Amino acid sequence: MGLFYEPQVHSNTSLVPVVDRALQMEPIEDRDRRVQVVAQMLGLDGAQAGVTAPNPVWWRVIVAFVLAGALFVGAIVLENSPEHAESSKTLLHVFEIAFTAILALLGIETAKQKP
């Protein structure tokens, strides 16, 4: 399950009649013709066959960046007091890790969502 993208739900019940019909057909040797027949059987045109757009969950992305921003603001505020200088450095390091993790997860999930 992805953190920043909606899970893609696939229904297997609609494929049962398609598989039954495909098993009753003669084998198709031409690859392009095979793609056209499959798209026709699934009710798709040639451009839509197997292509789905990823659906990001924007509120999760915004919450992640707001939390990272809160860590950054906390680090900057604590930097002004000498007794919290070490805490400021720690919070700044945690911000760096969180921000990098957010960007990495966004990149990895986007790559996984592409067809």
PDB file of N, CA and C in Angstrom:
ATOM      1  N   MET A   1       0.831  -1.169   0.000  1.00  0.00           N
ATOM      2  CA  MET A   1       0.000   0.000   0.000  1.00  0.00           C
ATOM      3  C   MET A   1       0.882   1.241   0.000  1.00  0.00           C
ATOM      4  N   GLY A   2       0.550   2.166  -0.856  1.00  0.00           N
ATOM      5  CA  GLY A   2       1.320   3.385  -0.953  1.00  0.00           C
ATOM      6  C   GLY A   2       0.906   4.406   0.093  1.00  0.00           C
ATOM      7  N   LEU A   3       1.821   5.282   0.421  1.00  0.00           N
ATOM      8  CA  LEU A   3       1.534   6.312   1.403  1.00  0.00           C
ATOM      9  C   LEU A   3       0.897   7.535   0.759  1.00  0.00           C
ATOM     10  N   PHE A   4       1.373   7.902  -0.433  1.00  0.00           N
ATOM     11  CA  PHE A   4       0.908   9.124  -1.078  1.00  0.00           C
ATOM     12  C   PHE A   4      -0.003   8.878  -2.278  1.00  0.00           C
ATOM     13  N   TYR A   5      -0.283   7.646  -2.620  1.00  0.00           N
ATOM     14  CA  TYR A   5      -1.150   7.332  -3.764  1.00  0.00           C
ATOM     15  C   TYR A   5      -2.250   6.379  -3.343  1.00  0.00           C
ATOM     16  N   GLU A   6      -3.424   6.536  -3.967  1.00  0.00           N
ATOM     17  CA  GLU A   6      -4.533   5.627  -3.709  1.00  0.00           C
ATOM     18  C   GLU A   6      -4.204   4.258  -4.290  1.00  0.00           C
ATOM     19  N   PRO A   7      -4.566   3.198  -3.584  1.00  0.00           N
ATOM     20  CA  PRO A   7      -4.342   1.878  -4.158  1.00  0.00           C
ATOM     21  C   PRO A   7      -5.250   1.659  -5.367  1.00  0.00           C
ATOM     22  N   GLN A   8      -4.724   1.029  -6.401  1.00  0.00           N
ATOM     23  CA  GLN A   8      -5.497   0.756  -7.600  1.00  0.00           C
ATOM     24  C   GLN A   8      -6.246  -0.554  -7.392  1.00  0.00           C
ATOM     25  N   VAL A   9      -7.570  -0.480  -7.462  1.00  0.00           N
ATOM     26  CA  VAL A   9      -8.419  -1.645  -7.239  1.00  0.00           C
ATOM     27  C   VAL A   9      -8.762  -2.253  -8.597  1.00  0.00           C
ATOM     28  N   HIS A  10      -8.455  -3.526  -8.730  1.00  0.00           N
ATOM     29  CA  HIS A  10      -8.750  -4.237  -9.967  1.00  0.00           C
ATOM     30  C   HIS A  10      -9.821  -5.285  -9.684  1.00  0.00           C
ATOM     31  N   SER A  11     -10.813  -5.326 -10.516  1.00  0.00           N
ATOM     32  CA  SER A  11     -11.899  -6.283 -10.336  1.00  0.00           C
ATOM     33  C   SER A  11     -11.642  -7.505 -11.218  1.00  0.00           C
ATOM     34  N   ASN A  12     -11.544  -8.679 -10.602  1.00  0.00           N
ATOM     35  CA  ASN A  12     -11.325  -9.907 -11.351  1.00  0.00           C
ATOM     36  C   ASN A  12     -12.617 -10.473 -11.917  1.00  0.00           C
ATOM     37  N   THR A  13     -13.770 -10.045 -11.418  1.00  0.00           N
ATOM     38  CA  THR A  13     -15.029 -10.606 -11.881  1.00  0.00           C
ATOM     39  C   THR A  13     -15.317 -10.237 -13.325  1.00  0.00           C
ATOM     40  N   SER A  14     -14.865  -9.083 -13.790  1.00  0.00           N
ATOM     41  CA  SER A  14     -15.124  -8.681 -15.171  1.00  0.00           C
ATOM     42  C   SER A  14     -14.211  -9.423 -16.147  1.00  0.00           C
ATOM     43  N   LEU A  15     -13.170 -10.053 -15.665  1.00  0.00           N
ATOM     44  CA  LEU A  15     -12.247 -10.754 -16.546  1.00  0.00           C
ATOM     45  C   LEU A  15     -12.682 -12.183 -16.855  1.00  0.00           C
ATOM     46  N   VAL A  16     -13.554 -12.747 -16.053  1.00  0.00           N
ATOM     47  CA  VAL A  16     -13.959 -14.138 -16.259  1.00  0.00           C
ATOM     48  C   VAL A  16     -14.599 -14.354 -17.628  1.00  0.00           C
ATOM     49  N   PRO A  17     -15.575 -13.544 -18.056  1.00  0.00           N
ATOM     50  CA  PRO A  17     -16.127 -13.755 -19.398  1.00  0.00           C
ATOM     51  C   PRO A  17     -15.101 -13.486 -20.504  1.00  0.00           C
ATOM     52  N   VAL A  18     -14.201 -12.564 -20.271  1.00  0.00           N
ATOM     53  CA  VAL A  18     -13.173 -12.256 -21.270  1.00  0.00           C
ATOM     54  C   VAL A  18     -12.234 -13.441 -21.438  1.00  0.00           C
ATOM     55  N   VAL A  19     -11.847 -14.062 -20.332  1.00  0.00           N
ATOM     56  CA  VAL A  19     -10.949 -15.222 -20.407  1.00  0.00           C
ATOM     57  C   VAL A  19     -11.654 -16.395 -21.074  1.00  0.00           C
ATOM     58  N   ASP A  20     -12.921 -16.619 -20.724  1.00  0.00           N
ATOM     59  CA  ASP A  20     -13.675 -17.700 -21.365  1.00  0.00           C
ATOM     60  C   ASP A  20     -13.760 -17.505 -22.883  1.00  0.00           C
ATOM     61  N   ARG A  21     -14.049 -16.275 -23.269  1.00  0.00           N
ATOM     62  CA  ARG A  21     -14.148 -15.979 -24.706  1.00  0.00           C
ATOM     63  C   ARG A  21     -12.790 -16.122 -25.396  1.00  0.00           C
ATOM     64  N   ALA A  22     -11.723 -15.687 -24.712  1.00  0.00           N
ATOM     65  CA  ALA A  22     -10.382 -15.778 -25.307  1.00  0.00           C
ATOM     66  C   ALA A  22      -9.950 -17.229 -25.479  1.00  0.00           C
ATOM     67  N   LEU A  23     -10.335 -18.091 -24.548  1.00  0.00           N
ATOM     68  CA  LEU A  23      -9.966 -19.501 -24.654  1.00  0.00           C
ATOM     69  C   LEU A  23     -10.689 -20.205 -25.797  1.00  0.00           C
ATOM     70  N   GLN A  24     -11.836 -19.673 -26.193  1.00  0.00           N
ATOM     71  CA  GLN A  24     -12.593 -20.275 -27.284  1.00  0.00           C
ATOM     72  C   GLN A  24     -12.138 -19.774 -28.649  1.00  0.00           C
ATOM     73  N   MET A  25     -11.320 -18.733 -28.698  1.00  0.00           N
ATOM     74  CA  MET A  25     -10.867 -18.163 -29.975  1.00  0.00           C
ATOM     75  C   MET A  25      -9.645 -18.915 -30.502  1.00  0.00           C
ATOM     76  N   GLU A  26      -9.405 -18.735 -31.782  1.00  0.00           N
ATOM     77  CA  GLU A  26      -8.195 -19.257 -32.392  1.00  0.00           C
ATOM     78  C   GLU A  26      -7.010 -18.381 -31.976  1.00  0.00           C
ATOM     79  N   PRO A  27      -5.814 -18.952 -31.868  1.00  0.00           N
ATOM     80  CA  PRO A  27      -4.646 -18.144 -31.505  1.00  0.00           C
ATOM     81  C   PRO A  27      -4.371 -17.060 -32.557  1.00  0.00           C
ATOM     82  N   ILE A  28      -3.987 -15.883 -32.085  1.00  0.00           N
ATOM     83  CA  ILE A  28      -3.668 -14.767 -32.968  1.00  0.00           C
ATOM     84  C   ILE A  28      -2.153 -14.619 -32.983  1.00  0.00           C
ATOM     85  N   GLU A  29      -1.561 -14.751 -34.163  1.00  0.00           N
ATOM     86  CA  GLU A  29      -0.106 -14.699 -34.291  1.00  0.00           C
ATOM     87  C   GLU A  29       0.423 -13.263 -34.357  1.00  0.00           C
ATOM     88  N   ASP A  30      -0.322 -12.360 -34.976  1.00  0.00           N
ATOM     89  CA  ASP A  30       0.123 -10.983 -35.144  1.00  0.00           C
ATOM     90  C   ASP A  30      -0.030 -10.233 -33.819  1.00  0.00           C
ATOM     91  N   ARG A  31       1.077  -9.671 -33.321  1.00  0.00           N
ATOM     92  CA  ARG A  31       1.075  -9.016 -32.014  1.00  0.00           C
ATOM     93  C   ARG A  31       0.153  -7.796 -31.999  1.00  0.00           C
ATOM     94  N   ASP A  32       0.188  -6.978 -33.034  1.00  0.00           N
ATOM     95  CA  ASP A  32      -0.654  -5.780 -33.076  1.00  0.00           C
ATOM     96  C   ASP A  32      -2.133  -6.154 -33.095  1.00  0.00           C
ATOM     97  N   ARG A  33      -2.472  -7.163 -33.841  1.00  0.00           N
ATOM     98  CA  ARG A  33      -3.861  -7.626 -33.901  1.00  0.00           C
ATOM     99  C   ARG A  33      -4.295  -8.175 -32.537  1.00  0.00           C
ATOM    100  N   ARG A  34      -3.378  -8.842 -31.835  1.00  0.00           N
ATOM    101  CA  ARG A  34      -3.667  -9.405 -30.520  1.00  0.00           C
ATOM    102  C   ARG A  34      -3.995  -8.276 -29.525  1.00  0.00           C
ATOM    103  N   VAL A  35      -3.224  -7.191 -29.567  1.00  0.00           N
ATOM    104  CA  VAL A  35      -3.469  -6.052 -28.683  1.00  0.00           C
ATOM    105  C   VAL A  35      -4.825  -5.421 -28.992  1.00  0.00           C
ATOM    106  N   GLN A  36      -5.163  -5.308 -30.266  1.00  0.00           N
ATOM    107  CA  GLN A  36      -6.449  -4.733 -30.642  1.00  0.00           C
ATOM    108  C   GLN A  36      -7.611  -5.595 -30.156  1.00  0.00           C
ATOM    109  N   VAL A  37      -7.479  -6.910 -30.299  1.00  0.00           N
ATOM    110  CA  VAL A  37      -8.555  -7.819 -29.877  1.00  0.00           C
ATOM    111  C   VAL A  37      -8.734  -7.770 -28.363  1.00  0.00           C
ATOM    112  N   VAL A  38      -7.633  -7.755 -27.628  1.00  0.00           N
ATOM    113  CA  VAL A  38      -7.722  -7.696 -26.166  1.00  0.00           C
ATOM    114  C   VAL A  38      -8.365  -6.380 -25.733  1.00  0.00           C
ATOM    115  N   ALA A  39      -7.953  -5.268 -26.333  1.00  0.00           N
ATOM    116  CA  ALA A  39      -8.544  -3.973 -25.988  1.00  0.00           C
ATOM    117  C   ALA A  39     -10.033  -3.953 -26.322  1.00  0.00           C
ATOM    118  N   GLN A  40     -10.405  -4.563 -27.436  1.00  0.00           N
ATOM    119  CA  GLN A  40     -11.818  -4.615 -27.824  1.00  0.00           C
ATOM    120  C   GLN A  40     -12.612  -5.471 -26.834  1.00  0.00           C
ATOM    121  N   MET A  41     -12.030  -6.599 -26.410  1.00  0.00           N
ATOM    122  CA  MET A  41     -12.717  -7.477 -25.475  1.00  0.00           C
ATOM    123  C   MET A  41     -12.898  -6.821 -24.108  1.00  0.00           C
ATOM    124  N   LEU A  42     -11.937  -5.993 -23.710  1.00  0.00           N
ATOM    125  CA  LEU A  42     -12.021  -5.315 -22.417  1.00  0.00           C
ATOM    126  C   LEU A  42     -12.816  -4.017 -22.491  1.00  0.00           C
ATOM    127  N   GLY A  43     -13.217  -3.631 -23.694  1.00  0.00           N
ATOM    128  CA  GLY A  43     -14.005  -2.426 -23.858  1.00  0.00           C
ATOM    129  C   GLY A  43     -13.180  -1.157 -23.864  1.00  0.00           C
ATOM    130  N   LEU A  44     -11.918  -1.273 -24.249  1.00  0.00           N
ATOM    131  CA  LEU A  44     -11.032  -0.117 -24.306  1.00  0.00           C
ATOM    132  C   LEU A  44     -10.683   0.176 -25.748  1.00  0.00           C
ATOM    133  N   ASP A  45     -10.384   1.449 -26.031  1.00  0.00           N
ATOM    134  CA  ASP A  45      -9.836   1.719 -27.356  1.00  0.00           C
ATOM    135  C   ASP A  45      -8.329   1.493 -27.307  1.00  0.00           C
ATOM    136  N   GLY A  46      -7.654   1.574 -28.417  1.00  0.00           N
ATOM    137  CA  GLY A  46      -6.235   1.252 -28.492  1.00  0.00           C
ATOM    138  C   GLY A  46      -5.361   2.128 -27.631  1.00  0.00           C
ATOM    139  N   ALA A  47      -5.730   3.394 -27.461  1.00  0.00           N
ATOM    140  CA  ALA A  47      -4.902   4.312 -26.684  1.00  0.00           C
ATOM    141  C   ALA A  47      -5.037   4.076 -25.191  1.00  0.00           C
ATOM    142  N   GLN A  48      -6.162   3.525 -24.751  1.00  0.00           N
ATOM    143  CA  GLN A  48      -6.391   3.350 -23.327  1.00  0.00           C
ATOM    144  C   GLN A  48      -6.008   1.969 -22.816  1.00  0.00           C
ATOM    145  N   ALA A  49      -5.608   1.084 -23.667  1.00  0.00           N
ATOM    146  CA  ALA A  49      -5.373  -0.299 -23.247  1.00  0.00           C
ATOM    147  C   ALA A  49      -4.268  -0.365 -22.199  1.00  0.00           C
ATOM    148  N   GLY A  50      -4.624  -0.703 -20.982  1.00  0.00           N
ATOM    149  CA  GLY A  50      -3.664  -0.922 -19.919  1.00  0.00           C
ATOM    150  C   GLY A  50      -3.084   0.344 -19.312  1.00  0.00           C
ATOM    151  N   VAL A  51      -3.557   1.536 -19.659  1.00  0.00           N
ATOM    152  CA  VAL A  51      -2.989   2.773 -19.160  1.00  0.00           C
ATOM    153  C   VAL A  51      -3.936   3.370 -18.123  1.00  0.00           C
ATOM    154  N   THR A  52      -3.421   3.567 -16.907  1.00  0.00           N
ATOM    155  CA  THR A  52      -4.191   4.226 -15.864  1.00  0.00           C
ATOM    156  C   THR A  52      -3.331   5.324 -15.256  1.00  0.00           C
ATOM    157  N   ALA A  53      -3.942   6.423 -14.916  1.00  0.00           N
ATOM    158  CA  ALA A  53      -3.213   7.541 -14.317  1.00  0.00           C
ATOM    159  C   ALA A  53      -3.148   7.345 -12.805  1.00  0.00           C
ATOM    160  N   PRO A  54      -2.011   7.666 -12.196  1.00  0.00           N
ATOM    161  CA  PRO A  54      -1.921   7.563 -10.737  1.00  0.00           C
ATOM    162  C   PRO A  54      -2.775   8.634 -10.069  1.00  0.00           C
ATOM    163  N   ASN A  55      -3.329   8.302  -8.924  1.00  0.00           N
ATOM    164  CA  ASN A  55      -4.188   9.219  -8.182  1.00  0.00           C
ATOM    165  C   ASN A  55      -3.539   9.552  -6.844  1.00  0.00           C
ATOM    166  N   PRO A  56      -2.826  10.685  -6.759  1.00  0.00           N
ATOM    167  CA  PRO A  56      -2.208  11.031  -5.469  1.00  0.00           C
ATOM    168  C   PRO A  56      -3.254  11.472  -4.453  1.00  0.00           C
ATOM    169  N   VAL A  57      -2.972  11.185  -3.193  1.00  0.00           N
ATOM    170  CA  VAL A  57      -3.812  11.641  -2.093  1.00  0.00           C
ATOM    171  C   VAL A  57      -3.145  12.925  -1.586  1.00  0.00           C
ATOM    172  N   TRP A  58      -3.654  14.064  -2.045  1.00  0.00           N
ATOM    173  CA  TRP A  58      -2.970  15.335  -1.820  1.00  0.00           C
ATOM    174  C   TRP A  58      -2.933  15.747  -0.356  1.00  0.00           C
ATOM    175  N   TRP A  59      -3.948  15.399   0.424  1.00  0.00           N
ATOM    176  CA  TRP A  59      -3.920  15.823   1.811  1.00  0.00           C
ATOM    177  C   TRP A  59      -2.783  15.144   2.568  1.00  0.00           C
ATOM    178  N   ARG A  60      -2.433  13.924   2.193  1.00  0.00           N
ATOM    179  CA  ARG A  60      -1.319  13.241   2.844  1.00  0.00           C
ATOM    180  C   ARG A  60       0.008  13.902   2.487  1.00  0.00           C
ATOM    181  N   VAL A  61       0.140  14.318   1.225  1.00  0.00           N
ATOM    182  CA  VAL A  61       1.362  15.002   0.790  1.00  0.00           C
ATOM    183  C   VAL A  61       1.503  16.321   1.543  1.00  0.00           C
ATOM    184  N   ILE A  62       0.415  17.070   1.655  1.00  0.00           N
ATOM    185  CA  ILE A  62       0.453  18.360   2.342  1.00  0.00           C
ATOM    186  C   ILE A  62       0.767  18.175   3.826  1.00  0.00           C
ATOM    187  N   VAL A  63       0.149  17.189   4.461  1.00  0.00           N
ATOM    188  CA  VAL A  63       0.414  16.930   5.881  1.00  0.00           C
ATOM    189  C   VAL A  63       1.880  16.565   6.096  1.00  0.00           C
ATOM    190  N   ALA A  64       2.448  15.768   5.212  1.00  0.00           N
ATOM    191  CA  ALA A  64       3.851  15.377   5.347  1.00  0.00           C
ATOM    192  C   ALA A  64       4.766  16.603   5.265  1.00  0.00           C
ATOM    193  N   PHE A  65       4.506  17.497   4.313  1.00  0.00           N
ATOM    194  CA  PHE A  65       5.343  18.686   4.186  1.00  0.00           C
ATOM    195  C   PHE A  65       5.107  19.670   5.336  1.00  0.00           C
ATOM    196  N   VAL A  66       3.884  19.751   5.855  1.00  0.00           N
ATOM    197  CA  VAL A  66       3.619  20.635   6.998  1.00  0.00           C
ATOM    198  C   VAL A  66       4.357  20.129   8.239  1.00  0.00           C
ATOM    199  N   LEU A  67       4.349  18.812   8.451  1.00  0.00           N
ATOM    200  CA  LEU A  67       5.086  18.258   9.594  1.00  0.00           C
ATOM    201  C   LEU A  67       6.582  18.489   9.456  1.00  0.00           C
ATOM    202  N   ALA A  68       7.115  18.331   8.245  1.00  0.00           N
ATOM    203  CA  ALA A  68       8.537  18.606   8.029  1.00  0.00           C
ATOM    204  C   ALA A  68       8.822  20.091   8.253  1.00  0.00           C
ATOM    205  N   GLY A  69       7.908  20.949   7.808  1.00  0.00           N
ATOM    206  CA  GLY A  69       8.076  22.382   8.045  1.00  0.00           C
ATOM    207  C   GLY A  69       8.047  22.727   9.520  1.00  0.00           C
ATOM    208  N   ALA A  70       7.192  22.043  10.286  1.00  0.00           N
ATOM    209  CA  ALA A  70       7.136  22.274  11.732  1.00  0.00           C
ATOM    210  C   ALA A  70       8.460  21.889  12.394  1.00  0.00           C
ATOM    211  N   LEU A  71       9.077  20.810  11.935  1.00  0.00           N
ATOM    212  CA  LEU A  71      10.387  20.431  12.457  1.00  0.00           C
ATOM    213  C   LEU A  71      11.420  21.511  12.159  1.00  0.00           C
ATOM    214  N   PHE A  72      11.362  22.055  10.946  1.00  0.00           N
ATOM    215  CA  PHE A  72      12.314  23.101  10.548  1.00  0.00           C
ATOM    216  C   PHE A  72      12.108  24.368  11.380  1.00  0.00           C
ATOM    217  N   VAL A  73      10.859  24.792  11.547  1.00  0.00           N
ATOM    218  CA  VAL A  73      10.570  25.990  12.344  1.00  0.00           C
ATOM    219  C   VAL A  73      10.996  25.772  13.797  1.00  0.00           C
ATOM    220  N   GLY A  74      10.733  24.594  14.322  1.00  0.00           N
ATOM    221  CA  GLY A  74      11.167  24.291  15.686  1.00  0.00           C
ATOM    222  C   GLY A  74      12.670  24.365  15.842  1.00  0.00           C
ATOM    223  N   ALA A  75      13.397  23.884  14.854  1.00  0.00           N
ATOM    224  CA  ALA A  75      14.857  23.946  14.902  1.00  0.00           C
ATOM    225  C   ALA A  75      15.343  25.389  14.857  1.00  0.00           C
ATOM    226  N   ILE A  76      14.711  26.207  14.024  1.00  0.00           N
ATOM    227  CA  ILE A  76      15.118  27.620  13.920  1.00  0.00           C
ATOM    228  C   ILE A  76      14.801  28.373  15.206  1.00  0.00           C
ATOM    229  N   VAL A  77      13.641  28.115  15.804  1.00  0.00           N
ATOM    230  CA  VAL A  77      13.249  28.800  17.045  1.00  0.00           C
ATOM    231  C   VAL A  77      14.180  28.406  18.185  1.00  0.00           C
ATOM    232  N   LEU A  78      14.516  27.130  18.298  1.00  0.00           N
ATOM    233  CA  LEU A  78      15.388  26.677  19.384  1.00  0.00           C
ATOM    234  C   LEU A  78      16.834  27.118  19.195  1.00  0.00           C
ATOM    235  N   GLU A  79      17.187  27.500  17.992  1.00  0.00           N
ATOM    236  CA  GLU A  79      18.568  27.906  17.735  1.00  0.00           C
ATOM    237  C   GLU A  79      18.914  29.214  18.452  1.00  0.00           C
ATOM    238  N   ASN A  80      17.913  30.038  18.714  1.00  0.00           N
ATOM    239  CA  ASN A  80      18.157  31.337  19.343  1.00  0.00           C
ATOM    240  C   ASN A  80      18.520  31.245  20.821  1.00  0.00           C
ATOM    241  N   SER A  81      18.151  30.157  21.481  1.00  0.00           N
ATOM    242  CA  SER A  81      18.489  30.041  22.903  1.00  0.00           C
ATOM    243  C   SER A  81      19.728  29.161  23.064  1.00  0.00           C
ATOM    244  N   PRO A  82      20.709  29.624  23.843  1.00  0.00           N
ATOM    245  CA  PRO A  82      21.960  28.862  23.987  1.00  0.00           C
ATOM    246  C   PRO A  82      21.778  27.515  24.691  1.00  0.00           C
ATOM    247  N   GLU A  83      20.805  27.396  25.582  1.00  0.00           N
ATOM    248  CA  GLU A  83      20.643  26.118  26.297  1.00  0.00           C
ATOM    249  C   GLU A  83      19.992  25.034  25.436  1.00  0.00           C
ATOM    250  N   HIS A  84      19.394  25.437  24.288  1.00  0.00           N
ATOM    251  CA  HIS A  84      18.762  24.464  23.402  1.00  0.00           C
ATOM    252  C   HIS A  84      19.499  24.337  22.062  1.00  0.00           C
ATOM    253  N   ALA A  85      20.735  24.711  22.022  1.00  0.00           N
ATOM    254  CA  ALA A  85      21.497  24.674  20.765  1.00  0.00           C
ATOM    255  C   ALA A  85      21.637  23.235  20.242  1.00  0.00           C
ATOM    256  N   GLU A  86      21.893  22.299  21.144  1.00  0.00           N
ATOM    257  CA  GLU A  86      22.050  20.902  20.715  1.00  0.00           C
ATOM    258  C   GLU A  86      20.709  20.322  20.240  1.00  0.00           C
ATOM    259  N   SER A  87      19.627  20.702  20.895  1.00  0.00           N
ATOM    260  CA  SER A  87      18.303  20.260  20.458  1.00  0.00           C
ATOM    261  C   SER A  87      17.973  20.812  19.079  1.00  0.00           C
ATOM    262  N   SER A  88      18.401  22.039  18.823  1.00  0.00           N
ATOM    263  CA  SER A  88      18.173  22.648  17.516  1.00  0.00           C
ATOM    264  C   SER A  88      18.899  21.873  16.421  1.00  0.00           C
ATOM    265  N   LYS A  89      20.144  21.491  16.697  1.00  0.00           N
ATOM    266  CA  LYS A  89      20.902  20.711  15.711  1.00  0.00           C
ATOM    267  C   LYS A  89      20.237  19.358  15.457  1.00  0.00           C
ATOM    268  N   THR A  90      19.741  18.737  16.519  1.00  0.00           N
ATOM    269  CA  THR A  90      19.069  17.441  16.378  1.00  0.00           C
ATOM    270  C   THR A  90      17.786  17.577  15.567  1.00  0.00           C
ATOM    271  N   LEU A  91      16.992  18.610  15.863  1.00  0.00           N
ATOM    272  CA  LEU A  91      15.757  18.826  15.109  1.00  0.00           C
ATOM    273  C   LEU A  91      16.040  19.130  13.640  1.00  0.00           C
ATOM    274  N   LEU A  92      17.105  19.883  13.375  1.00  0.00           N
ATOM    275  CA  LEU A  92      17.464  20.183  11.998  1.00  0.00           C
ATOM    276  C   LEU A  92      17.874  18.907  11.258  1.00  0.00           C
ATOM    277  N   HIS A  93      18.570  18.026  11.947  1.00  0.00           N
ATOM    278  CA  HIS A  93      18.958  16.750  11.333  1.00  0.00           C
ATOM    279  C   HIS A  93      17.728  15.875  11.083  1.00  0.00           C
ATOM    280  N   VAL A  94      16.790  15.858  12.019  1.00  0.00           N
ATOM    281  CA  VAL A  94      15.549  15.103  11.836  1.00  0.00           C
ATOM    282  C   VAL A  94      14.755  15.674  10.663  1.00  0.00           C
ATOM    283  N   PHE A  95      14.737  17.001  10.518  1.00  0.00           N
ATOM    284  CA  PHE A  95      14.074  17.629   9.375  1.00  0.00           C
ATOM    285  C   PHE A  95      14.708  17.168   8.067  1.00  0.00           C
ATOM    286  N   GLU A  96      16.029  17.150   8.003  1.00  0.00           N
ATOM    287  CA  GLU A  96      16.725  16.704   6.784  1.00  0.00           C
ATOM    288  C   GLU A  96      16.337  15.279   6.421  1.00  0.00           C
ATOM    289  N   ILE A  97      16.290  14.409   7.409  1.00  0.00           N
ATOM    290  CA  ILE A  97      15.929  13.010   7.158  1.00  0.00           C
ATOM    291  C   ILE A  97      14.471  12.900   6.717  1.00  0.00           C
ATOM    292  N   ALA A  98      13.569  13.623   7.385  1.00  0.00           N
ATOM    293  CA  ALA A  98      12.144  13.557   7.047  1.00  0.00           C
ATOM    294  C   ALA A  98      11.891  14.105   5.644  1.00  0.00           C
ATOM    295  N   PHE A  99      12.516  15.228   5.312  1.00  0.00           N
ATOM    296  CA  PHE A  99      12.318  15.833   3.997  1.00  0.00           C
ATOM    297  C   PHE A  99      12.844  14.910   2.897  1.00  0.00           C
ATOM    298  N   THR A 100      14.000  14.318   3.122  1.00  0.00           N
ATOM    299  CA  THR A 100      14.561  13.379   2.150  1.00  0.00           C
ATOM    300  C   THR A 100      13.672  12.154   2.007  1.00  0.00           C
ATOM    301  N   ALA A 101      13.131  11.660   3.107  1.00  0.00           N
ATOM    302  CA  ALA A 101      12.249  10.486   3.051  1.00  0.00           C
ATOM    303  C   ALA A 101      10.962  10.802   2.297  1.00  0.00           C
ATOM    304  N   ILE A 102      10.410  12.002   2.500  1.00  0.00           N
ATOM    305  CA  ILE A 102       9.190  12.390   1.790  1.00  0.00           C
ATOM    306  C   ILE A 102       9.451  12.423   0.288  1.00  0.00           C
ATOM    307  N   LEU A 103      10.538  13.088  -0.117  1.00  0.00           N
ATOM    308  CA  LEU A 103      10.859  13.163  -1.542  1.00  0.00           C
ATOM    309  C   LEU A 103      11.138  11.787  -2.136  1.00  0.00           C
ATOM    310  N   ALA A 104      11.832  10.945  -1.378  1.00  0.00           N
ATOM    311  CA  ALA A 104      12.131   9.598  -1.875  1.00  0.00           C
ATOM    312  C   ALA A 104      10.862   8.777  -2.043  1.00  0.00           C
ATOM    313  N   LEU A 105       9.976   8.825  -1.053  1.00  0.00           N
ATOM    314  CA  LEU A 105       8.721   8.077  -1.153  1.00  0.00           C
ATOM    315  C   LEU A 105       7.862   8.573  -2.305  1.00  0.00           C
ATOM    316  N   LEU A 106       7.804   9.892  -2.488  1.00  0.00           N
ATOM    317  CA  LEU A 106       7.050  10.432  -3.620  1.00  0.00           C
ATOM    318  C   LEU A 106       7.619   9.926  -4.942  1.00  0.00           C
ATOM    319  N   GLY A 107       8.930   9.956  -5.069  1.00  0.00           N
ATOM    320  CA  GLY A 107       9.564   9.492  -6.308  1.00  0.00           C
ATOM    321  C   GLY A 107       9.363   8.015  -6.548  1.00  0.00           C
ATOM    322  N   ILE A 108       9.540   7.209  -5.511  1.00  0.00           N
ATOM    323  CA  ILE A 108       9.400   5.757  -5.660  1.00  0.00           C
ATOM    324  C   ILE A 108       7.959   5.386  -5.992  1.00  0.00           C
ATOM    325  N   GLU A 109       7.000   5.990  -5.286  1.00  0.00           N
ATOM    326  CA  GLU A 109       5.597   5.654  -5.534  1.00  0.00           C
ATOM    327  C   GLU A 109       5.134   6.140  -6.904  1.00  0.00           C
ATOM    328  N   THR A 110       5.640   7.299  -7.344  1.00  0.00           N
ATOM    329  CA  THR A 110       5.294   7.777  -8.676  1.00  0.00           C
ATOM    330  C   THR A 110       5.824   6.833  -9.745  1.00  0.00           C
ATOM    331  N   ALA A 111       7.048   6.352  -9.552  1.00  0.00           N
ATOM    332  CA  ALA A 111       7.620   5.404 -10.514  1.00  0.00           C
ATOM    333  C   ALA A 111       6.853   4.092 -10.522  1.00  0.00           C
ATOM    334  N   LYS A 112       6.387   3.645  -9.353  1.00  0.00           N
ATOM    335  CA  LYS A 112       5.616   2.396  -9.294  1.00  0.00           C
ATOM    336  C   LYS A 112       4.251   2.545  -9.930  1.00  0.00           C
ATOM    337  N   GLN A 113       3.676   3.748  -9.918  1.00  0.00           N
ATOM    338  CA  GLN A 113       2.339   3.959 -10.454  1.00  0.00           C
ATOM    339  C   GLN A 113       2.321   4.078 -11.965  1.00  0.00           C
ATOM    340  N   LYS A 114       3.458   4.398 -12.571  1.00  0.00           N
ATOM    341  CA  LYS A 114       3.485   4.547 -14.032  1.00  0.00           C
ATOM    342  C   LYS A 114       3.361   3.183 -14.693  1.00  0.00           C
ATOM    343  N   PRO A 115       2.579   3.127 -15.778  1.00  0.00           N
ATOM    344  CA  PRO A 115       2.396   1.832 -16.459  1.00  0.00           C
ATOM    345  C   PRO A 115       3.628   1.399 -17.217  1.00  0.00           C
TER     346      PRO A 115
END
